[in-house]
Amino acid sequence: MKNFFLTMALVIVGTAASANDNIENAKRFLTSLETNDLSVANQLAHDDIVFEDPTFGAEVRGKNAVMQAYQNYTGGVRNLSKHLLHGYESNNVVVLSYVFHAYIDVLGTGDESKYAPMMGEGIRVIRFEDGKVIRHTDLSDYVRIQREIDALKNTLLQQ
């Protein structure tokens, strides 16, 4: 019986350590994208990685294609900051729920003096295989974000 409890304790501790590693690696992976420094993302990406954004119907397969898609991942966003609300790992799948704040190029002009502040929330799901990111899914309420962008755009155009 003592051996059973010792074995179970080792399994639980080992699983928790692996989950923490995956969560930290998922955070490092996403930070690499958000700062447009893809060195960490490239290192953590599996050769068969898939990136998907279901809202836009986007799905990109393979490390080279995904790394190309990640170029300028933040687009017309500046000063992105985020706060992790929830994060957990289950069977090599990491789920991270964020609230973010950023300045957005709502007019699409590149004129940073016209960038507008915006808050939003999103969920990122990162699946690991052999310690590498095999799938990255971005989920967000883009309809609400687009409504806010449109309202900000109208305000800026009236100035």
N, C-alpha and C. Protein backbone atom coordinates (compact mmCIF):
# COMPACT_ATOMS: atom_id res chain seq x y z
N MET A 1 0.82 -1.19 0.00
CA MET A 1 0.00 0.00 0.00
C MET A 1 0.86 1.25 0.00
N LYS A 2 1.95 1.21 0.78
CA LYS A 2 2.85 2.36 0.83
C LYS A 2 3.44 2.62 -0.56
N ASN A 3 3.76 1.55 -1.29
CA ASN A 3 4.30 1.70 -2.64
C ASN A 3 3.28 2.34 -3.58
N PHE A 4 2.02 1.98 -3.41
CA PHE A 4 0.97 2.57 -4.24
C PHE A 4 0.91 4.08 -4.05
N PHE A 5 0.89 4.53 -2.79
CA PHE A 5 0.81 5.97 -2.51
C PHE A 5 2.06 6.70 -2.99
N LEU A 6 3.20 6.08 -2.84
CA LEU A 6 4.44 6.69 -3.32
C LEU A 6 4.41 6.82 -4.84
N THR A 7 3.96 5.78 -5.52
CA THR A 7 3.85 5.82 -6.98
C THR A 7 2.87 6.90 -7.41
N MET A 8 1.72 6.97 -6.77
CA MET A 8 0.72 7.99 -7.13
C MET A 8 1.25 9.40 -6.88
N ALA A 9 1.96 9.59 -5.80
CA ALA A 9 2.53 10.91 -5.50
C ALA A 9 3.53 11.31 -6.58
N LEU A 10 4.35 10.37 -7.01
CA LEU A 10 5.33 10.67 -8.07
C LEU A 10 4.63 10.99 -9.39
N VAL A 11 3.56 10.29 -9.70
CA VAL A 11 2.81 10.56 -10.93
C VAL A 11 2.20 11.95 -10.87
N ILE A 12 1.60 12.30 -9.74
CA ILE A 12 0.96 13.62 -9.59
C ILE A 12 2.01 14.72 -9.67
N VAL A 13 3.12 14.57 -8.98
CA VAL A 13 4.17 15.59 -9.01
C VAL A 13 4.74 15.71 -10.42
N GLY A 14 4.99 14.59 -11.07
CA GLY A 14 5.52 14.62 -12.44
C GLY A 14 4.56 15.27 -13.41
N THR A 15 3.28 14.98 -13.28
CA THR A 15 2.26 15.57 -14.14
C THR A 15 2.16 17.07 -13.91
N ALA A 16 2.19 17.49 -12.65
CA ALA A 16 2.11 18.92 -12.34
C ALA A 16 3.33 19.66 -12.89
N ALA A 17 4.51 19.06 -12.79
CA ALA A 17 5.72 19.71 -13.32
C ALA A 17 5.62 19.85 -14.82
N SER A 18 5.14 18.81 -15.50
CA SER A 18 4.98 18.86 -16.96
C SER A 18 3.96 19.92 -17.35
N ALA A 19 2.86 20.01 -16.61
CA ALA A 19 1.82 21.01 -16.90
C ALA A 19 2.39 22.41 -16.75
N ASN A 20 3.16 22.65 -15.68
CA ASN A 20 3.76 23.97 -15.48
C ASN A 20 4.73 24.31 -16.60
N ASP A 21 5.52 23.32 -17.05
CA ASP A 21 6.44 23.55 -18.17
C ASP A 21 5.65 23.93 -19.42
N ASN A 22 4.57 23.22 -19.70
CA ASN A 22 3.77 23.52 -20.88
C ASN A 22 3.14 24.91 -20.79
N ILE A 23 2.64 25.27 -19.63
CA ILE A 23 2.04 26.60 -19.46
C ILE A 23 3.10 27.68 -19.67
N GLU A 24 4.25 27.51 -19.06
CA GLU A 24 5.32 28.51 -19.23
C GLU A 24 5.79 28.57 -20.68
N ASN A 25 5.91 27.42 -21.33
CA ASN A 25 6.32 27.42 -22.74
C ASN A 25 5.26 28.04 -23.64
N ALA A 26 3.99 27.83 -23.32
CA ALA A 26 2.92 28.48 -24.09
C ALA A 26 3.00 29.99 -23.93
N LYS A 27 3.23 30.47 -22.72
CA LYS A 27 3.37 31.91 -22.49
C LYS A 27 4.57 32.47 -23.26
N ARG A 28 5.69 31.75 -23.22
CA ARG A 28 6.89 32.19 -23.95
C ARG A 28 6.63 32.23 -25.45
N PHE A 29 5.94 31.23 -25.94
CA PHE A 29 5.60 31.14 -27.37
C PHE A 29 4.77 32.35 -27.78
N LEU A 30 3.72 32.64 -27.02
CA LEU A 30 2.83 33.76 -27.36
C LEU A 30 3.52 35.10 -27.21
N THR A 31 4.34 35.26 -26.19
CA THR A 31 5.08 36.51 -26.03
C THR A 31 6.00 36.74 -27.22
N SER A 32 6.59 35.68 -27.73
CA SER A 32 7.45 35.77 -28.91
C SER A 32 6.67 36.33 -30.10
N LEU A 33 5.43 35.87 -30.27
CA LEU A 33 4.60 36.37 -31.37
C LEU A 33 4.22 37.83 -31.16
N GLU A 34 3.84 38.14 -29.93
CA GLU A 34 3.34 39.49 -29.62
C GLU A 34 4.42 40.55 -29.69
N THR A 35 5.67 40.16 -29.52
CA THR A 35 6.77 41.12 -29.60
C THR A 35 7.43 41.09 -30.97
N ASN A 36 6.88 40.30 -31.88
CA ASN A 36 7.42 40.15 -33.24
C ASN A 36 8.88 39.70 -33.24
N ASP A 37 9.26 38.92 -32.23
CA ASP A 37 10.58 38.28 -32.18
C ASP A 37 10.31 36.78 -32.23
N LEU A 38 10.35 36.23 -33.43
CA LEU A 38 9.89 34.86 -33.63
C LEU A 38 10.92 33.80 -33.25
N SER A 39 12.05 34.18 -32.69
CA SER A 39 13.08 33.20 -32.38
C SER A 39 12.58 32.13 -31.41
N VAL A 40 11.88 32.53 -30.37
CA VAL A 40 11.37 31.56 -29.40
C VAL A 40 10.23 30.74 -30.02
N ALA A 41 9.33 31.40 -30.74
CA ALA A 41 8.24 30.68 -31.40
C ALA A 41 8.79 29.64 -32.36
N ASN A 42 9.80 30.01 -33.12
CA ASN A 42 10.41 29.09 -34.09
C ASN A 42 11.04 27.90 -33.37
N GLN A 43 11.67 28.16 -32.24
CA GLN A 43 12.31 27.10 -31.45
C GLN A 43 11.27 26.14 -30.86
N LEU A 44 10.14 26.67 -30.42
CA LEU A 44 9.12 25.85 -29.76
C LEU A 44 8.12 25.21 -30.73
N ALA A 45 8.12 25.64 -31.98
CA ALA A 45 7.14 25.14 -32.95
C ALA A 45 7.54 23.76 -33.47
N HIS A 46 6.57 22.88 -33.51
CA HIS A 46 6.73 21.55 -34.11
C HIS A 46 6.78 21.72 -35.63
N ASP A 47 7.46 20.83 -36.33
CA ASP A 47 7.53 20.92 -37.80
C ASP A 47 6.14 20.87 -38.43
N ASP A 48 5.20 20.17 -37.79
CA ASP A 48 3.85 20.01 -38.33
C ASP A 48 2.83 20.92 -37.64
N ILE A 49 3.28 22.05 -37.12
CA ILE A 49 2.40 22.98 -36.40
C ILE A 49 1.24 23.43 -37.29
N VAL A 50 0.09 23.65 -36.64
CA VAL A 50 -1.09 24.22 -37.30
C VAL A 50 -1.50 25.45 -36.50
N PHE A 51 -1.71 26.57 -37.21
CA PHE A 51 -2.25 27.77 -36.58
C PHE A 51 -3.65 27.97 -37.14
N GLU A 52 -4.61 28.20 -36.24
CA GLU A 52 -5.96 28.46 -36.71
C GLU A 52 -6.60 29.61 -35.95
N ASP A 53 -7.41 30.34 -36.68
CA ASP A 53 -8.23 31.41 -36.12
C ASP A 53 -9.62 31.18 -36.69
N PRO A 54 -10.46 30.42 -35.96
CA PRO A 54 -11.77 30.02 -36.49
C PRO A 54 -12.67 31.17 -36.90
N THR A 55 -12.53 32.32 -36.26
CA THR A 55 -13.38 33.46 -36.59
C THR A 55 -13.18 33.87 -38.04
N PHE A 56 -11.93 33.87 -38.49
CA PHE A 56 -11.63 34.28 -39.85
C PHE A 56 -11.55 33.10 -40.80
N GLY A 57 -11.75 31.89 -40.29
CA GLY A 57 -11.66 30.71 -41.14
C GLY A 57 -10.23 30.42 -41.56
N ALA A 58 -9.28 30.96 -40.85
CA ALA A 58 -7.87 30.78 -41.22
C ALA A 58 -7.32 29.51 -40.59
N GLU A 59 -6.61 28.73 -41.39
CA GLU A 59 -5.88 27.59 -40.89
C GLU A 59 -4.62 27.45 -41.74
N VAL A 60 -3.47 27.51 -41.08
CA VAL A 60 -2.19 27.45 -41.77
C VAL A 60 -1.45 26.24 -41.22
N ARG A 61 -0.87 25.45 -42.14
CA ARG A 61 -0.21 24.20 -41.74
C ARG A 61 1.27 24.20 -42.12
N GLY A 62 2.08 23.63 -41.23
CA GLY A 62 3.51 23.47 -41.49
C GLY A 62 4.32 24.62 -40.94
N LYS A 63 5.49 24.30 -40.40
CA LYS A 63 6.30 25.29 -39.68
C LYS A 63 6.65 26.49 -40.55
N ASN A 64 7.10 26.28 -41.77
CA ASN A 64 7.49 27.41 -42.62
C ASN A 64 6.31 28.33 -42.91
N ALA A 65 5.17 27.75 -43.28
CA ALA A 65 3.98 28.56 -43.59
C ALA A 65 3.47 29.28 -42.35
N VAL A 66 3.48 28.61 -41.22
CA VAL A 66 2.99 29.22 -39.98
C VAL A 66 3.92 30.35 -39.55
N MET A 67 5.22 30.14 -39.63
CA MET A 67 6.16 31.21 -39.25
C MET A 67 5.98 32.42 -40.17
N GLN A 68 5.70 32.18 -41.44
CA GLN A 68 5.44 33.29 -42.36
C GLN A 68 4.15 34.01 -41.97
N ALA A 69 3.12 33.25 -41.59
CA ALA A 69 1.86 33.86 -41.16
C ALA A 69 2.04 34.66 -39.88
N TYR A 70 2.97 34.22 -39.03
CA TYR A 70 3.21 34.92 -37.77
C TYR A 70 3.96 36.24 -37.96
N GLN A 71 4.57 36.44 -39.13
CA GLN A 71 5.24 37.72 -39.37
C GLN A 71 4.22 38.83 -39.15
N ASN A 72 4.58 39.81 -38.38
CA ASN A 72 3.68 40.93 -38.10
C ASN A 72 2.36 40.45 -37.48
N TYR A 73 2.46 39.49 -36.57
CA TYR A 73 1.31 38.89 -35.89
C TYR A 73 0.40 39.94 -35.26
N THR A 74 1.00 40.99 -34.72
CA THR A 74 0.20 42.01 -34.05
C THR A 74 -0.29 43.09 -35.01
N GLY A 75 0.17 43.08 -36.26
CA GLY A 75 -0.33 44.03 -37.26
C GLY A 75 -0.26 45.46 -36.80
N GLY A 76 -1.39 46.16 -36.88
CA GLY A 76 -1.46 47.57 -36.51
C GLY A 76 -1.73 47.78 -35.03
N VAL A 77 -1.09 46.98 -34.20
CA VAL A 77 -1.27 47.07 -32.75
C VAL A 77 0.04 47.54 -32.13
N ARG A 78 -0.05 48.47 -31.21
CA ARG A 78 1.13 48.96 -30.50
C ARG A 78 0.87 48.89 -29.00
N ASN A 79 1.94 48.77 -28.24
CA ASN A 79 1.87 48.79 -26.77
C ASN A 79 0.88 47.76 -26.22
N LEU A 80 0.95 46.56 -26.75
CA LEU A 80 0.07 45.49 -26.29
C LEU A 80 0.48 45.07 -24.88
N SER A 81 -0.49 45.06 -23.98
CA SER A 81 -0.27 44.50 -22.66
C SER A 81 -1.44 43.58 -22.36
N LYS A 82 -1.15 42.53 -21.63
CA LYS A 82 -2.22 41.58 -21.34
C LYS A 82 -2.13 41.10 -19.91
N HIS A 83 -3.27 40.68 -19.41
CA HIS A 83 -3.36 40.15 -18.06
C HIS A 83 -3.97 38.76 -18.16
N LEU A 84 -3.26 37.77 -17.65
CA LEU A 84 -3.74 36.40 -17.67
C LEU A 84 -4.81 36.22 -16.60
N LEU A 85 -6.02 35.88 -17.04
CA LEU A 85 -7.12 35.62 -16.11
C LEU A 85 -7.08 34.19 -15.60
N HIS A 86 -6.94 33.25 -16.52
CA HIS A 86 -6.94 31.83 -16.17
C HIS A 86 -5.95 31.13 -17.08
N GLY A 87 -5.31 30.13 -16.55
CA GLY A 87 -4.44 29.29 -17.35
C GLY A 87 -4.39 27.91 -16.74
N TYR A 88 -4.56 26.92 -17.58
CA TYR A 88 -4.45 25.55 -17.08
C TYR A 88 -4.01 24.64 -18.21
N GLU A 89 -3.58 23.45 -17.83
CA GLU A 89 -3.11 22.46 -18.78
C GLU A 89 -3.82 21.15 -18.51
N SER A 90 -4.22 20.48 -19.56
CA SER A 90 -4.84 19.17 -19.44
C SER A 90 -4.36 18.31 -20.60
N ASN A 91 -3.64 17.27 -20.29
CA ASN A 91 -3.18 16.31 -21.30
C ASN A 91 -2.46 17.00 -22.46
N ASN A 92 -1.50 17.85 -22.15
CA ASN A 92 -0.67 18.57 -23.12
C ASN A 92 -1.40 19.66 -23.90
N VAL A 93 -2.58 20.04 -23.44
CA VAL A 93 -3.31 21.16 -24.04
C VAL A 93 -3.35 22.28 -23.00
N VAL A 94 -2.83 23.45 -23.38
CA VAL A 94 -2.81 24.61 -22.50
C VAL A 94 -3.88 25.58 -22.95
N VAL A 95 -4.68 26.06 -22.01
CA VAL A 95 -5.71 27.06 -22.29
C VAL A 95 -5.37 28.30 -21.47
N LEU A 96 -5.23 29.43 -22.17
CA LEU A 96 -4.91 30.70 -21.51
C LEU A 96 -5.98 31.71 -21.86
N SER A 97 -6.56 32.32 -20.85
CA SER A 97 -7.61 33.33 -21.03
C SER A 97 -7.05 34.68 -20.61
N TYR A 98 -7.11 35.65 -21.53
CA TYR A 98 -6.50 36.96 -21.31
C TYR A 98 -7.49 38.10 -21.44
N VAL A 99 -7.18 39.19 -20.77
CA VAL A 99 -7.74 40.50 -21.06
C VAL A 99 -6.56 41.31 -21.56
N PHE A 100 -6.76 42.05 -22.65
CA PHE A 100 -5.65 42.81 -23.18
C PHE A 100 -6.01 44.27 -23.39
N HIS A 101 -4.99 45.09 -23.44
CA HIS A 101 -5.13 46.51 -23.77
C HIS A 101 -4.06 46.81 -24.80
N ALA A 102 -4.44 47.59 -25.80
CA ALA A 102 -3.48 47.96 -26.85
C ALA A 102 -3.95 49.23 -27.53
N TYR A 103 -3.07 49.79 -28.32
CA TYR A 103 -3.42 50.91 -29.19
C TYR A 103 -3.50 50.35 -30.61
N ILE A 104 -4.61 50.65 -31.29
CA ILE A 104 -4.93 50.04 -32.58
C ILE A 104 -4.92 51.10 -33.67
N ASP A 105 -4.37 50.73 -34.83
CA ASP A 105 -4.38 51.60 -36.01
C ASP A 105 -5.74 51.45 -36.69
N VAL A 106 -6.76 52.10 -36.13
CA VAL A 106 -8.13 51.90 -36.61
C VAL A 106 -8.35 52.50 -38.00
N LEU A 107 -7.56 53.49 -38.38
CA LEU A 107 -7.71 54.10 -39.71
C LEU A 107 -6.86 53.39 -40.76
N GLY A 108 -5.92 52.58 -40.30
CA GLY A 108 -5.06 51.86 -41.23
C GLY A 108 -4.04 52.74 -41.93
N THR A 109 -3.71 53.88 -41.33
CA THR A 109 -2.79 54.83 -41.97
C THR A 109 -1.34 54.66 -41.51
N GLY A 110 -1.14 53.98 -40.40
CA GLY A 110 0.20 53.87 -39.84
C GLY A 110 0.61 55.09 -39.04
N ASP A 111 -0.25 56.09 -38.95
CA ASP A 111 0.02 57.31 -38.19
C ASP A 111 -0.26 57.02 -36.72
N GLU A 112 0.82 56.83 -35.95
CA GLU A 112 0.65 56.42 -34.55
C GLU A 112 -0.07 57.47 -33.71
N SER A 113 -0.11 58.71 -34.15
CA SER A 113 -0.85 59.73 -33.40
C SER A 113 -2.35 59.50 -33.50
N LYS A 114 -2.78 58.67 -34.45
CA LYS A 114 -4.20 58.36 -34.64
C LYS A 114 -4.58 56.98 -34.09
N TYR A 115 -3.63 56.29 -33.46
CA TYR A 115 -3.95 55.00 -32.87
C TYR A 115 -4.90 55.23 -31.70
N ALA A 116 -5.83 54.32 -31.51
CA ALA A 116 -6.84 54.46 -30.46
C ALA A 116 -6.71 53.33 -29.44
N PRO A 117 -6.97 53.62 -28.16
CA PRO A 117 -6.89 52.57 -27.14
C PRO A 117 -8.07 51.61 -27.25
N MET A 118 -7.78 50.35 -26.97
CA MET A 118 -8.83 49.34 -27.02
C MET A 118 -8.53 48.25 -26.00
N MET A 119 -9.61 47.72 -25.43
CA MET A 119 -9.50 46.57 -24.53
C MET A 119 -10.28 45.42 -25.15
N GLY A 120 -9.87 44.23 -24.85
CA GLY A 120 -10.57 43.05 -25.34
C GLY A 120 -10.19 41.84 -24.52
N GLU A 121 -10.73 40.72 -24.92
CA GLU A 121 -10.39 39.47 -24.26
C GLU A 121 -10.27 38.38 -25.29
N GLY A 122 -9.51 37.38 -24.95
CA GLY A 122 -9.31 36.28 -25.88
C GLY A 122 -8.85 35.04 -25.16
N ILE A 123 -8.97 33.95 -25.87
CA ILE A 123 -8.52 32.65 -25.36
C ILE A 123 -7.56 32.08 -26.39
N ARG A 124 -6.47 31.55 -25.90
CA ARG A 124 -5.52 30.88 -26.76
C ARG A 124 -5.38 29.45 -26.28
N VAL A 125 -5.46 28.54 -27.22
CA VAL A 125 -5.33 27.12 -26.93
C VAL A 125 -4.07 26.63 -27.63
N ILE A 126 -3.15 26.10 -26.86
CA ILE A 126 -1.87 25.63 -27.38
C ILE A 126 -1.75 24.14 -27.04
N ARG A 127 -1.59 23.32 -28.08
CA ARG A 127 -1.42 21.88 -27.85
C ARG A 127 0.03 21.50 -28.11
N PHE A 128 0.59 20.74 -27.19
CA PHE A 128 1.98 20.30 -27.28
C PHE A 128 2.06 18.84 -27.68
N GLU A 129 3.09 18.53 -28.46
CA GLU A 129 3.43 17.15 -28.78
C GLU A 129 4.95 17.06 -28.72
N ASP A 130 5.45 16.14 -27.94
CA ASP A 130 6.90 15.97 -27.77
C ASP A 130 7.58 17.28 -27.35
N GLY A 131 6.90 18.07 -26.50
CA GLY A 131 7.47 19.31 -25.98
C GLY A 131 7.43 20.48 -26.94
N LYS A 132 6.81 20.30 -28.10
CA LYS A 132 6.73 21.36 -29.12
C LYS A 132 5.27 21.74 -29.35
N VAL A 133 5.05 22.98 -29.80
CA VAL A 133 3.69 23.44 -30.10
C VAL A 133 3.27 22.81 -31.43
N ILE A 134 2.23 21.98 -31.39
CA ILE A 134 1.73 21.31 -32.59
C ILE A 134 0.48 22.02 -33.13
N ARG A 135 -0.23 22.75 -32.24
CA ARG A 135 -1.43 23.47 -32.68
C ARG A 135 -1.61 24.72 -31.82
N HIS A 136 -1.92 25.83 -32.49
CA HIS A 136 -2.18 27.11 -31.82
C HIS A 136 -3.50 27.63 -32.37
N THR A 137 -4.46 27.81 -31.47
CA THR A 137 -5.77 28.31 -31.86
C THR A 137 -6.04 29.61 -31.11
N ASP A 138 -6.40 30.65 -31.85
CA ASP A 138 -6.78 31.94 -31.26
C ASP A 138 -8.30 32.08 -31.32
N LEU A 139 -8.89 32.43 -30.19
CA LEU A 139 -10.33 32.65 -30.11
C LEU A 139 -10.57 34.00 -29.46
N SER A 140 -11.42 34.80 -30.07
CA SER A 140 -11.73 36.10 -29.49
C SER A 140 -13.08 36.55 -30.01
N ASP A 141 -13.66 37.52 -29.34
CA ASP A 141 -14.94 38.09 -29.77
C ASP A 141 -14.65 39.21 -30.77
N TYR A 142 -14.31 38.82 -31.99
CA TYR A 142 -13.91 39.80 -33.00
C TYR A 142 -15.07 40.68 -33.45
N VAL A 143 -16.29 40.20 -33.34
CA VAL A 143 -17.44 41.03 -33.72
C VAL A 143 -17.50 42.25 -32.81
N ARG A 144 -17.37 42.04 -31.51
CA ARG A 144 -17.37 43.17 -30.57
C ARG A 144 -16.18 44.08 -30.81
N ILE A 145 -15.01 43.49 -31.04
CA ILE A 145 -13.81 44.29 -31.30
C ILE A 145 -14.00 45.12 -32.57
N GLN A 146 -14.58 44.52 -33.61
CA GLN A 146 -14.79 45.26 -34.86
C GLN A 146 -15.78 46.41 -34.65
N ARG A 147 -16.81 46.20 -33.84
CA ARG A 147 -17.75 47.29 -33.54
C ARG A 147 -17.02 48.44 -32.84
N GLU A 148 -16.15 48.10 -31.90
CA GLU A 148 -15.39 49.15 -31.21
C GLU A 148 -14.45 49.87 -32.17
N ILE A 149 -13.80 49.13 -33.05
CA ILE A 149 -12.91 49.74 -34.04
C ILE A 149 -13.70 50.69 -34.93
N ASP A 150 -14.87 50.25 -35.39
CA ASP A 150 -15.70 51.10 -36.25
C ASP A 150 -16.11 52.38 -35.53
N ALA A 151 -16.50 52.26 -34.26
CA ALA A 151 -16.89 53.45 -33.48
C ALA A 151 -15.70 54.38 -33.30
N LEU A 152 -14.54 53.82 -32.99
CA LEU A 152 -13.33 54.64 -32.84
C LEU A 152 -12.96 55.31 -34.16
N LYS A 153 -13.11 54.58 -35.25
CA LYS A 153 -12.79 55.13 -36.57
C LYS A 153 -13.69 56.32 -36.86
N ASN A 154 -14.97 56.19 -36.59
CA ASN A 154 -15.91 57.30 -36.82
C ASN A 154 -15.54 58.51 -35.97
N THR A 155 -15.16 58.26 -34.72
CA THR A 155 -14.75 59.36 -33.84
C THR A 155 -13.51 60.06 -34.38
N LEU A 156 -12.52 59.28 -34.80
CA LEU A 156 -11.28 59.87 -35.32
C LEU A 156 -11.52 60.62 -36.62
N LEU A 157 -12.39 60.12 -37.47
CA LEU A 157 -12.66 60.78 -38.75
C LEU A 157 -13.40 62.10 -38.56
N GLN A 158 -14.14 62.23 -37.45
CA GLN A 158 -14.88 63.47 -37.19
C GLN A 158 -14.00 64.54 -36.56
N GLN A 159 -12.80 64.18 -36.16
CA GLN A 159 -11.90 65.16 -35.52
C GLN A 159 -11.22 66.03 -36.56
